[in-house]
Amino acid sequence: MATGRWSINLLLARVKPLVAAYRWCGYKVRTMSRIAPSSIDSVREFELADLAATEALARRLALVARVGDVIAVSGGLGAGKTAFARAFIRARTGASPALEVPSPTFTLVQLYELPGAPVWHFDLYRLVAAEEAWELGLEEALAEAITLIEWPQRLGPLLPVERLDVALLPGRSPSSRRVRIAGHGERGRQLAEAIADA
């Protein structure tokens, strides 16, 4: 009996690392299946002379965006992310540049029911955990709207693989910006090419 118990313990000692390895690999496969396909298909980088040029880029993007598109706008504090988002939303409404478009810094999300397609504007700077985005309506936004996300890095692995990244970086002067546009997936590539070539 003691020998049998020893054999079982020996077997478990050998099997447990294999089970742990299998689970770890499964986790990595599930994770990579969401991340790996986001290999960048199209990257463009160019200078924006001033805020007006940043807003003009946003308006060009607004003309070609459609339901299901995800636009991830990144950059440091004061880079012009919210100005970009406001110009995008105003262009979708066809309204005057004076139209009030509140920043969702504290509410984290603002929904705009617009002709053609609704726009969900997320500002995730204050997001504590990526999973909280589901409570904000992220799943609904991705399925039924154009999704505009400031501070997209807060989503971590929840950030959709097919998307357009717009990174606003410091330019040659205090008022200018260097923009890096990266299209992920077929639709992301289409958006990147559409606005970079306009």
Protein backbone atom coordinates (compact mmCIF):
# COMPACT_ATOMS: atom_id res chain seq x y z
CA MET A 1 0.00 0.00 0.00
CA ALA A 2 2.84 2.33 0.90
CA THR A 3 4.48 1.56 -2.41
CA GLY A 4 1.24 2.31 -4.26
CA ARG A 5 0.85 5.60 -2.44
CA TRP A 6 4.45 6.49 -3.26
CA SER A 7 3.83 5.71 -6.93
CA ILE A 8 0.76 7.94 -7.00
CA ASN A 9 2.67 10.76 -5.32
CA LEU A 10 5.50 10.36 -7.82
CA LEU A 11 3.03 10.44 -10.69
CA LEU A 12 1.35 13.57 -9.34
CA ALA A 13 4.72 15.22 -8.85
CA ARG A 14 5.46 14.67 -12.52
CA VAL A 15 2.01 15.53 -13.82
CA LYS A 16 1.44 18.76 -11.88
CA PRO A 17 4.18 20.73 -13.69
CA LEU A 18 2.79 19.52 -17.00
CA VAL A 19 -0.73 20.67 -16.07
CA ALA A 20 0.62 24.03 -14.94
CA ALA A 21 2.57 24.40 -18.18
CA TYR A 22 -0.51 23.47 -20.21
CA ARG A 23 -2.62 26.07 -18.44
CA TRP A 24 0.06 28.72 -18.87
CA CYS A 25 0.37 27.94 -22.58
CA GLY A 26 -3.40 28.07 -22.94
CA TYR A 27 -3.43 31.47 -21.32
CA LYS A 28 -0.68 32.70 -23.62
CA VAL A 29 -2.45 31.35 -26.70
CA ARG A 30 -5.72 33.04 -25.70
CA THR A 31 -3.90 36.27 -24.98
CA MET A 32 -1.79 36.23 -28.12
CA SER A 33 -4.83 35.43 -30.25
CA ARG A 34 -6.10 38.87 -29.27
CA ILE A 35 -2.79 40.69 -29.53
CA ALA A 36 -0.74 39.07 -32.28
CA PRO A 37 -3.20 39.79 -35.13
CA SER A 38 -2.81 43.49 -34.41
CA SER A 39 0.48 43.52 -36.29
CA ILE A 40 0.70 46.91 -37.91
CA ASP A 41 -0.22 46.88 -41.60
CA SER A 42 0.23 50.57 -42.34
CA VAL A 43 2.24 53.27 -40.58
CA ARG A 44 2.47 56.92 -41.57
CA GLU A 45 4.25 59.68 -39.67
CA PHE A 46 4.21 63.38 -40.45
CA GLU A 47 4.27 66.85 -38.91
CA LEU A 48 1.20 68.86 -37.94
CA ALA A 49 2.11 72.54 -37.86
CA ASP A 50 -0.40 73.60 -35.21
CA LEU A 51 -3.72 72.86 -33.50
CA ALA A 52 -5.63 73.77 -36.65
CA ALA A 53 -3.73 71.09 -38.57
CA THR A 54 -4.53 68.54 -35.85
CA GLU A 55 -8.22 69.41 -36.07
CA ALA A 56 -8.12 69.20 -39.88
CA LEU A 57 -6.72 65.66 -39.61
CA ALA A 58 -9.57 64.72 -37.28
CA ARG A 59 -12.12 66.12 -39.72
CA ARG A 60 -10.64 64.05 -42.57
CA LEU A 61 -10.95 60.95 -40.44
CA ALA A 62 -14.55 61.81 -39.54
CA LEU A 63 -15.49 61.77 -43.21
CA VAL A 64 -14.43 58.13 -43.71
CA ALA A 65 -15.22 56.57 -40.32
CA ARG A 66 -18.13 54.16 -40.01
CA VAL A 67 -19.84 51.88 -37.48
CA GLY A 68 -17.39 49.37 -36.04
CA ASP A 69 -14.33 51.60 -36.42
CA VAL A 70 -12.09 52.00 -33.38
CA ILE A 71 -9.86 55.07 -33.21
CA ALA A 72 -7.30 55.03 -30.41
CA VAL A 73 -5.85 58.49 -29.73
CA SER A 74 -2.74 58.56 -27.57
CA GLY A 75 -0.26 61.18 -26.40
CA GLY A 76 0.85 62.91 -23.25
CA LEU A 77 -1.09 65.45 -21.24
CA GLY A 78 -1.75 68.50 -23.38
CA ALA A 79 -0.86 66.70 -26.62
CA GLY A 80 -4.18 67.60 -28.22
CA LYS A 81 -6.13 64.34 -27.85
CA THR A 82 -9.34 66.01 -26.68
CA ALA A 83 -9.05 68.74 -29.34
CA PHE A 84 -8.71 65.97 -31.93
CA ALA A 85 -11.77 64.18 -30.54
CA ARG A 86 -13.83 67.38 -30.47
CA ALA A 87 -12.97 68.21 -34.08
CA PHE A 88 -13.89 64.65 -35.08
CA ILE A 89 -17.29 64.79 -33.34
CA ARG A 90 -18.10 68.27 -34.64
CA ALA A 91 -17.30 67.13 -38.18
CA ARG A 92 -19.64 64.15 -37.78
CA THR A 93 -22.46 66.47 -36.73
CA GLY A 94 -21.75 68.92 -39.53
CA ALA A 95 -22.07 71.61 -36.89
CA SER A 96 -20.18 74.80 -36.21
CA PRO A 97 -16.71 74.59 -34.61
CA ALA A 98 -18.29 76.45 -31.68
CA LEU A 99 -20.50 73.45 -30.83
CA GLU A 100 -19.98 72.43 -27.20
CA VAL A 101 -18.38 68.99 -26.97
CA PRO A 102 -17.65 68.25 -23.31
CA SER A 103 -14.62 66.21 -22.38
CA PRO A 104 -15.51 62.94 -20.62
CA THR A 105 -12.54 63.28 -18.26
CA PHE A 106 -14.69 62.66 -15.19
CA THR A 107 -17.60 60.70 -16.68
CA LEU A 108 -15.12 58.57 -18.72
CA VAL A 109 -17.55 58.25 -21.62
CA GLN A 110 -19.83 60.49 -23.67
CA LEU A 111 -22.33 59.15 -26.20
CA TYR A 112 -23.36 61.14 -29.27
CA GLU A 113 -26.37 59.91 -31.24
CA LEU A 114 -25.47 61.33 -34.63
CA PRO A 115 -26.81 60.89 -38.16
CA GLY A 116 -25.02 58.06 -39.94
CA ALA A 117 -23.52 56.48 -36.84
CA PRO A 118 -23.39 57.10 -33.10
CA VAL A 119 -20.03 58.04 -31.62
CA TRP A 120 -18.85 56.84 -28.21
CA HIS A 121 -16.06 59.03 -26.87
CA PHE A 122 -14.06 57.40 -24.08
CA ASP A 123 -11.45 59.17 -21.95
CA LEU A 124 -9.85 56.39 -19.91
CA TYR A 125 -7.25 58.43 -18.04
CA ARG A 126 -9.01 57.75 -14.73
CA LEU A 127 -9.81 54.10 -15.44
CA VAL A 128 -8.53 51.99 -12.54
CA ALA A 129 -8.78 48.53 -14.13
CA ALA A 130 -9.25 47.61 -17.79
CA GLU A 131 -12.29 45.43 -16.95
CA GLU A 132 -14.18 48.53 -15.79
CA ALA A 133 -14.52 49.52 -19.45
CA TRP A 134 -17.22 46.86 -19.90
CA GLU A 135 -19.33 48.68 -17.30
CA LEU A 136 -18.95 51.88 -19.34
CA GLY A 137 -20.56 50.22 -22.36
CA LEU A 138 -17.45 49.35 -24.35
CA GLU A 139 -18.96 46.17 -25.78
CA GLU A 140 -22.02 48.02 -27.07
CA ALA A 141 -19.87 50.80 -28.50
CA LEU A 142 -17.66 48.38 -30.42
CA ALA A 143 -20.68 46.62 -31.92
CA GLU A 144 -22.93 49.57 -32.75
CA ALA A 145 -20.91 52.75 -33.06
CA ILE A 146 -17.72 54.55 -33.96
CA THR A 147 -15.51 54.23 -30.90
CA LEU A 148 -13.09 57.06 -30.12
CA ILE A 149 -10.71 56.28 -27.24
CA GLU A 150 -8.34 58.62 -25.44
CA TRP A 151 -5.68 56.92 -23.28
CA PRO A 152 -6.27 53.57 -25.05
CA GLN A 153 -3.31 51.97 -23.29
CA ARG A 154 -5.48 51.78 -20.16
CA LEU A 155 -7.42 48.96 -21.85
CA GLY A 156 -4.40 46.69 -22.01
CA PRO A 157 -5.36 43.38 -23.69
CA LEU A 158 -8.98 44.57 -24.06
CA LEU A 159 -7.96 47.05 -26.74
CA PRO A 160 -9.49 45.78 -30.02
CA VAL A 161 -6.95 44.31 -32.42
CA GLU A 162 -8.47 45.94 -35.49
CA ARG A 163 -8.18 49.67 -35.02
CA LEU A 164 -6.51 52.90 -36.04
CA ASP A 165 -3.88 54.32 -33.70
CA VAL A 166 -3.33 58.08 -33.76
CA ALA A 167 -0.35 59.03 -31.61
CA LEU A 168 0.21 62.75 -31.03
CA LEU A 169 3.88 63.34 -30.23
CA PRO A 170 5.95 66.48 -29.58
CA GLY A 171 6.76 68.36 -32.77
CA ARG A 172 9.56 70.65 -33.81
CA SER A 173 7.98 73.63 -32.07
CA PRO A 174 5.80 74.00 -28.97
CA SER A 175 2.66 74.39 -31.11
CA SER A 176 3.39 71.61 -33.60
CA ARG A 177 2.81 67.87 -33.27
CA ARG A 178 4.35 64.83 -34.87
CA VAL A 179 1.52 62.40 -35.62
CA ARG A 180 2.06 58.70 -36.02
CA ILE A 181 -0.83 56.88 -37.68
CA ALA A 182 -0.81 53.09 -37.45
CA GLY A 183 -3.47 50.90 -39.01
CA HIS A 184 -4.06 47.48 -37.45
CA GLY A 185 -5.94 44.95 -39.55
CA GLU A 186 -7.62 45.51 -42.89
CA ARG A 187 -9.97 48.27 -41.74
CA GLY A 188 -7.25 50.04 -39.77
CA ARG A 189 -5.04 50.03 -42.87
CA GLN A 190 -7.85 51.51 -44.96
CA LEU A 191 -8.38 54.35 -42.49
CA ALA A 192 -4.66 55.08 -42.21
CA GLU A 193 -4.27 55.31 -45.97
CA ALA A 194 -7.44 57.37 -46.41
CA ILE A 195 -6.42 60.15 -44.05
CA ALA A 196 -2.69 60.15 -44.73
CA ASP A 197 -3.20 60.47 -48.47
CA ALA A 198 -5.96 63.09 -48.27
